Amino acid sequence: MTTNQPPVQRCQYCGSNDLGLGWQHGEAIVTFKKHGLGGSRLHSLICRRCRAVLYQWVTEPHKFPPVSNCTTNQR
């Protein structure tokens, strides 16, 4: 996200606008490689009332290749 405005203003589950920002550390990274490092940490927008995770985004989206360059192996 490049703006200071969160993409979600209100919880879709309980209707609260009491939202919090969290980060996942350690093993909770999103990677573009099937095995290995080289990923990006996840940020989470969380409802502080019902504890639902409302939205997530990676810190460094430029690390990920465009979809047109990806190959998927669905087994």
N, C-alpha and C. Protein backbone atom coordinates (compact mmCIF):
# COMPACT_ATOMS: atom_id res chain seq x y z
N MET A 1 0.85 -1.18 0.00
CA MET A 1 0.00 0.00 0.00
C MET A 1 0.89 1.23 0.00
N THR A 2 0.58 2.16 -0.84
CA THR A 2 1.41 3.34 -0.92
C THR A 2 0.77 4.56 -0.28
N THR A 3 -0.45 4.46 0.15
CA THR A 3 -1.12 5.59 0.79
C THR A 3 -1.30 5.31 2.27
N ASN A 4 -1.59 6.35 3.02
CA ASN A 4 -1.84 6.19 4.45
C ASN A 4 -3.27 5.78 4.75
N GLN A 5 -4.11 5.77 3.73
CA GLN A 5 -5.52 5.40 3.89
C GLN A 5 -5.67 3.89 3.80
N PRO A 6 -6.13 3.22 4.87
CA PRO A 6 -6.31 1.77 4.78
C PRO A 6 -7.41 1.41 3.78
N PRO A 7 -7.26 0.25 3.11
CA PRO A 7 -8.23 -0.15 2.09
C PRO A 7 -9.57 -0.57 2.69
N VAL A 8 -9.60 -0.82 3.99
CA VAL A 8 -10.83 -1.22 4.67
C VAL A 8 -11.06 -0.24 5.81
N GLN A 9 -12.27 0.28 5.92
CA GLN A 9 -12.59 1.25 6.95
C GLN A 9 -13.41 0.66 8.08
N ARG A 10 -14.12 -0.43 7.80
CA ARG A 10 -15.04 -1.02 8.77
C ARG A 10 -15.01 -2.54 8.61
N CYS A 11 -15.15 -3.24 9.73
CA CYS A 11 -15.14 -4.70 9.71
C CYS A 11 -16.40 -5.21 9.01
N GLN A 12 -16.21 -6.09 8.04
CA GLN A 12 -17.34 -6.66 7.31
C GLN A 12 -18.09 -7.70 8.13
N TYR A 13 -17.52 -8.13 9.24
CA TYR A 13 -18.15 -9.18 10.05
C TYR A 13 -18.96 -8.62 11.21
N CYS A 14 -18.41 -7.65 11.95
CA CYS A 14 -19.12 -7.13 13.12
C CYS A 14 -19.51 -5.66 12.98
N GLY A 15 -19.03 -4.97 11.95
CA GLY A 15 -19.39 -3.59 11.72
C GLY A 15 -18.55 -2.56 12.46
N SER A 16 -17.59 -3.00 13.25
CA SER A 16 -16.75 -2.09 14.03
C SER A 16 -15.79 -1.33 13.13
N ASN A 17 -15.44 -0.11 13.54
CA ASN A 17 -14.41 0.64 12.83
C ASN A 17 -13.14 0.75 13.70
N ASP A 18 -13.05 -0.07 14.74
CA ASP A 18 -11.88 -0.12 15.62
C ASP A 18 -10.90 -1.13 15.04
N LEU A 19 -10.03 -0.65 14.14
CA LEU A 19 -9.12 -1.52 13.43
C LEU A 19 -7.70 -1.34 13.92
N GLY A 20 -6.90 -2.39 13.85
CA GLY A 20 -5.51 -2.34 14.25
C GLY A 20 -4.61 -2.86 13.13
N LEU A 21 -3.34 -2.48 13.21
CA LEU A 21 -2.36 -2.88 12.23
C LEU A 21 -1.39 -3.85 12.87
N GLY A 22 -1.10 -4.98 12.19
CA GLY A 22 -0.17 -5.97 12.71
C GLY A 22 0.79 -6.42 11.64
N TRP A 23 1.87 -7.07 12.08
CA TRP A 23 2.88 -7.61 11.18
C TRP A 23 3.14 -9.05 11.56
N GLN A 24 3.42 -9.87 10.58
CA GLN A 24 3.82 -11.25 10.84
C GLN A 24 5.32 -11.33 10.67
N HIS A 25 5.99 -11.93 11.66
CA HIS A 25 7.44 -12.02 11.66
C HIS A 25 7.88 -13.47 11.63
N GLY A 26 9.16 -13.67 11.49
CA GLY A 26 9.73 -15.02 11.55
C GLY A 26 9.40 -15.82 10.31
N GLU A 27 8.76 -16.96 10.50
CA GLU A 27 8.45 -17.86 9.40
C GLU A 27 7.29 -17.38 8.54
N ALA A 28 6.55 -16.41 8.99
CA ALA A 28 5.35 -15.97 8.27
C ALA A 28 5.70 -14.92 7.22
N ILE A 29 6.39 -15.37 6.17
CA ILE A 29 6.68 -14.49 5.06
C ILE A 29 6.03 -15.05 3.81
N VAL A 30 5.77 -14.19 2.87
CA VAL A 30 5.25 -14.62 1.58
C VAL A 30 6.44 -14.61 0.63
N THR A 31 6.64 -15.72 -0.07
CA THR A 31 7.77 -15.82 -0.97
C THR A 31 7.31 -16.13 -2.39
N PHE A 32 8.11 -15.77 -3.34
CA PHE A 32 7.80 -16.07 -4.73
C PHE A 32 8.53 -17.33 -5.19
N LYS A 33 9.32 -17.93 -4.30
CA LYS A 33 10.01 -19.17 -4.61
C LYS A 33 9.31 -20.32 -3.90
N LYS A 34 9.25 -21.46 -4.56
CA LYS A 34 8.57 -22.62 -3.96
C LYS A 34 9.28 -23.06 -2.69
N HIS A 35 10.60 -23.06 -2.70
CA HIS A 35 11.39 -23.42 -1.53
C HIS A 35 12.44 -22.33 -1.32
N GLY A 36 12.56 -21.84 -0.13
CA GLY A 36 13.62 -20.89 0.15
C GLY A 36 13.15 -19.55 0.63
N LEU A 37 14.10 -18.68 0.78
CA LEU A 37 13.85 -17.34 1.30
C LEU A 37 13.64 -16.37 0.14
N GLY A 38 13.78 -15.10 0.42
CA GLY A 38 13.63 -14.11 -0.63
C GLY A 38 12.22 -13.56 -0.70
N GLY A 39 11.51 -13.60 0.39
CA GLY A 39 10.13 -13.15 0.39
C GLY A 39 9.96 -11.78 1.00
N SER A 40 8.76 -11.53 1.47
CA SER A 40 8.40 -10.24 2.03
C SER A 40 7.46 -10.46 3.21
N ARG A 41 7.61 -9.66 4.23
CA ARG A 41 6.74 -9.78 5.40
C ARG A 41 5.32 -9.35 5.09
N LEU A 42 4.40 -9.94 5.82
CA LEU A 42 2.98 -9.61 5.67
C LEU A 42 2.55 -8.58 6.69
N HIS A 43 1.80 -7.62 6.25
CA HIS A 43 1.11 -6.67 7.12
C HIS A 43 -0.35 -7.10 7.17
N SER A 44 -0.99 -6.91 8.29
CA SER A 44 -2.40 -7.30 8.43
C SER A 44 -3.20 -6.17 9.04
N LEU A 45 -4.38 -5.96 8.51
CA LEU A 45 -5.35 -5.05 9.09
C LEU A 45 -6.37 -5.90 9.83
N ILE A 46 -6.50 -5.68 11.14
CA ILE A 46 -7.25 -6.57 12.02
C ILE A 46 -8.35 -5.81 12.74
N CYS A 47 -9.51 -6.43 12.85
CA CYS A 47 -10.60 -5.85 13.65
C CYS A 47 -10.28 -6.12 15.12
N ARG A 48 -10.19 -5.07 15.91
CA ARG A 48 -9.85 -5.23 17.33
C ARG A 48 -11.05 -5.71 18.15
N ARG A 49 -12.23 -5.62 17.58
CA ARG A 49 -13.43 -6.05 18.29
C ARG A 49 -13.67 -7.56 18.15
N CYS A 50 -13.70 -8.07 16.91
CA CYS A 50 -13.99 -9.50 16.71
C CYS A 50 -12.76 -10.31 16.32
N ARG A 51 -11.60 -9.65 16.16
CA ARG A 51 -10.30 -10.29 15.89
C ARG A 51 -10.16 -10.84 14.48
N ALA A 52 -11.01 -10.45 13.56
CA ALA A 52 -10.92 -10.93 12.17
C ALA A 52 -9.78 -10.24 11.44
N VAL A 53 -9.08 -10.98 10.58
CA VAL A 53 -8.08 -10.39 9.69
C VAL A 53 -8.84 -9.90 8.47
N LEU A 54 -8.81 -8.59 8.24
CA LEU A 54 -9.63 -7.98 7.20
C LEU A 54 -8.90 -7.78 5.88
N TYR A 55 -7.58 -7.59 5.93
CA TYR A 55 -6.82 -7.29 4.72
C TYR A 55 -5.35 -7.58 5.01
N GLN A 56 -4.63 -8.10 4.02
CA GLN A 56 -3.20 -8.33 4.17
C GLN A 56 -2.47 -7.83 2.93
N TRP A 57 -1.22 -7.39 3.12
CA TRP A 57 -0.39 -6.97 2.00
C TRP A 57 1.06 -7.21 2.34
N VAL A 58 1.89 -7.35 1.31
CA VAL A 58 3.32 -7.57 1.50
C VAL A 58 4.04 -6.22 1.55
N THR A 59 5.17 -6.23 2.26
CA THR A 59 5.95 -5.01 2.43
C THR A 59 6.66 -4.59 1.15
N GLU A 60 7.17 -5.57 0.41
CA GLU A 60 7.99 -5.27 -0.76
C GLU A 60 7.42 -5.96 -2.01
N PRO A 61 6.35 -5.43 -2.59
CA PRO A 61 5.73 -6.10 -3.74
C PRO A 61 6.63 -6.14 -4.98
N HIS A 62 7.62 -5.25 -5.07
CA HIS A 62 8.51 -5.23 -6.23
C HIS A 62 9.36 -6.49 -6.35
N LYS A 63 9.47 -7.28 -5.27
CA LYS A 63 10.26 -8.51 -5.31
C LYS A 63 9.57 -9.62 -6.10
N PHE A 64 8.29 -9.51 -6.33
CA PHE A 64 7.52 -10.59 -6.95
C PHE A 64 7.41 -10.39 -8.45
N PRO A 65 7.62 -11.47 -9.22
CA PRO A 65 7.52 -11.36 -10.66
C PRO A 65 6.06 -11.17 -11.10
N PRO A 66 5.84 -10.53 -12.24
CA PRO A 66 4.48 -10.40 -12.75
C PRO A 66 3.87 -11.77 -13.03
N VAL A 67 2.58 -11.86 -12.99
CA VAL A 67 1.87 -13.12 -13.21
C VAL A 67 2.23 -13.70 -14.58
N SER A 68 2.41 -12.88 -15.57
CA SER A 68 2.72 -13.37 -16.91
C SER A 68 4.05 -14.11 -16.96
N ASN A 69 4.95 -13.86 -15.99
CA ASN A 69 6.25 -14.52 -15.96
C ASN A 69 6.26 -15.75 -15.06
N CYS A 70 5.17 -16.02 -14.38
CA CYS A 70 5.12 -17.14 -13.43
C CYS A 70 4.65 -18.42 -14.11
N THR A 71 5.18 -19.51 -13.63
CA THR A 71 4.68 -20.82 -14.05
C THR A 71 4.14 -21.50 -12.82
N THR A 72 3.00 -22.13 -12.95
CA THR A 72 2.40 -22.81 -11.82
C THR A 72 2.49 -24.31 -12.01
N ASN A 73 2.70 -24.99 -10.94
CA ASN A 73 2.76 -26.45 -10.96
C ASN A 73 1.67 -26.93 -10.03
N GLN A 74 0.51 -27.26 -10.55
CA GLN A 74 -0.66 -27.65 -9.75
C GLN A 74 -0.73 -29.16 -9.65
N ARG A 75 -0.14 -29.71 -8.60
CA ARG A 75 -0.19 -31.16 -8.39
C ARG A 75 -0.76 -31.45 -7.05
